[in-house]
Amino acid sequence: MCAGFVSNHIERDAYLPKQRDILLENALKDLSADPDVLAIYIAGSLAKGNDDQYSDIDLHTIVNPKSKAEFLKGKRDRANNWGDVSFHEDCNPILRMSSLIIIPL
């Protein structure tokens, strides 16, 4: 659990990992079916194996350069189709990671 964090929603929060798993599964199905997605990788606590019930999904893709602009334009709508997405990070072309898992398609 996050250091010092105490939730007022213990029952609701118990379902967060299951919801995260559903989102990740839906994302992988969708992205794996896209011929412009060359690879998918997970970073952060899920990749390191030190996630907790509040951990987010740090999901990254490598996309065909010819399709990158179109892919980025629709990324929020696409992610919202995977389930109840709470937060979107803006595109950052700088790749920073300490752990990398590449899932070849």
Protein backbone atom coordinates (compact mmCIF):
# COMPACT_ATOMS: atom_id res chain seq x y z
CA MET A 1 0.00 0.00 0.00
CA CYS A 2 1.11 3.57 -0.53
CA ALA A 3 3.16 4.82 2.39
CA GLY A 4 0.95 6.66 4.86
CA PHE A 5 -2.20 6.38 2.73
CA VAL A 6 -5.40 5.38 4.49
CA SER A 7 -8.48 4.89 2.33
CA ASN A 8 -11.99 5.71 3.42
CA HIS A 9 -13.28 3.22 0.83
CA ILE A 10 -11.86 -0.14 1.89
CA GLU A 11 -14.62 -2.26 0.29
CA ARG A 12 -14.50 -0.40 -3.01
CA ASP A 13 -10.72 -0.41 -3.08
CA ALA A 14 -10.61 -4.19 -2.65
CA TYR A 15 -11.96 -4.47 -6.22
CA LEU A 16 -9.35 -2.18 -7.77
CA PRO A 17 -6.86 -4.92 -8.74
CA LYS A 18 -9.61 -6.91 -10.49
CA GLN A 19 -10.73 -3.81 -12.38
CA ARG A 20 -7.11 -3.09 -13.31
CA ASP A 21 -6.73 -6.65 -14.63
CA ILE A 22 -9.87 -6.25 -16.76
CA LEU A 23 -8.60 -2.95 -18.19
CA LEU A 24 -5.20 -4.45 -18.96
CA GLU A 25 -6.73 -7.52 -20.60
CA ASN A 26 -9.01 -5.35 -22.77
CA ALA A 27 -6.12 -3.09 -23.71
CA LEU A 28 -3.90 -6.01 -24.72
CA LYS A 29 -6.66 -7.58 -26.82
CA ASP A 30 -7.33 -4.30 -28.61
CA LEU A 31 -3.71 -3.31 -29.17
CA SER A 32 -2.63 -6.82 -30.20
CA ALA A 33 -5.24 -6.79 -32.94
CA ASP A 34 -3.96 -3.50 -34.40
CA PRO A 35 -1.50 -4.12 -37.27
CA ASP A 36 0.11 -0.70 -36.64
CA VAL A 37 1.10 -1.66 -33.09
CA LEU A 38 4.52 -3.30 -33.34
CA ALA A 39 5.04 -4.02 -29.62
CA ILE A 40 3.44 -3.47 -26.23
CA TYR A 41 5.34 -3.17 -22.97
CA ILE A 42 4.50 -2.61 -19.34
CA ALA A 43 6.66 -0.49 -17.05
CA GLY A 44 6.37 0.62 -13.45
CA SER A 45 5.32 -1.40 -10.45
CA LEU A 46 3.37 -4.00 -12.46
CA ALA A 47 6.47 -4.82 -14.50
CA LYS A 48 8.67 -4.89 -11.41
CA GLY A 49 6.22 -7.07 -9.49
CA ASN A 50 5.94 -4.68 -6.55
CA ASP A 51 2.46 -3.39 -7.34
CA ASP A 52 -0.27 -2.92 -4.77
CA GLN A 53 -4.03 -2.46 -5.06
CA TYR A 54 -3.58 1.23 -5.97
CA SER A 55 -0.97 0.72 -8.69
CA ASP A 56 -1.75 2.09 -12.11
CA ILE A 57 -1.07 0.53 -15.51
CA ASP A 58 2.04 1.91 -17.19
CA LEU A 59 1.30 0.55 -20.65
CA HIS A 60 3.40 1.65 -23.60
CA THR A 61 3.27 0.83 -27.29
CA ILE A 62 5.65 0.95 -30.21
CA VAL A 63 3.70 2.00 -33.27
CA ASN A 64 4.48 2.01 -36.97
CA PRO A 65 6.01 5.48 -37.54
CA LYS A 66 3.70 6.06 -40.51
CA SER A 67 0.66 5.62 -38.24
CA LYS A 68 1.95 7.42 -35.14
CA ALA A 69 0.08 10.72 -35.58
CA GLU A 70 -3.26 9.00 -36.17
CA PHE A 71 -2.64 6.58 -33.31
CA LEU A 72 -1.90 9.40 -30.86
CA LYS A 73 -4.91 11.40 -32.00
CA GLY A 74 -7.31 8.62 -30.99
CA LYS A 75 -5.54 7.26 -27.92
CA ARG A 76 -7.89 8.71 -25.28
CA ASP A 77 -11.04 7.48 -26.99
CA ARG A 78 -9.44 4.12 -27.59
CA ALA A 79 -8.42 3.73 -23.95
CA ASN A 80 -11.89 4.71 -22.76
CA ASN A 81 -13.27 1.76 -24.74
CA TRP A 82 -11.23 -0.63 -22.56
CA GLY A 83 -13.25 0.18 -19.43
CA ASP A 84 -13.38 2.79 -16.70
CA VAL A 85 -10.12 4.68 -17.21
CA SER A 86 -9.52 7.18 -14.40
CA PHE A 87 -6.50 9.09 -15.73
CA HIS A 88 -4.70 9.67 -19.01
CA GLU A 89 -1.12 10.86 -19.28
CA ASP A 90 -0.21 13.05 -22.20
CA CYS A 91 2.08 11.67 -24.86
CA ASN A 92 5.71 11.98 -23.91
CA PRO A 93 8.11 10.86 -26.63
CA ILE A 94 10.96 10.49 -24.13
CA LEU A 95 11.24 6.90 -22.98
CA ARG A 96 12.30 6.46 -19.37
CA MET A 97 12.14 3.14 -17.56
CA SER A 98 13.93 0.96 -15.12
CA SER A 99 12.12 -2.23 -16.11
CA LEU A 100 10.97 -3.33 -19.54
CA ILE A 101 8.85 -6.21 -20.73
CA ILE A 102 8.28 -6.37 -24.49
CA ILE A 103 5.44 -8.48 -25.78
CA PRO A 104 6.17 -9.15 -29.47
CA LEU A 105 3.07 -9.34 -31.60
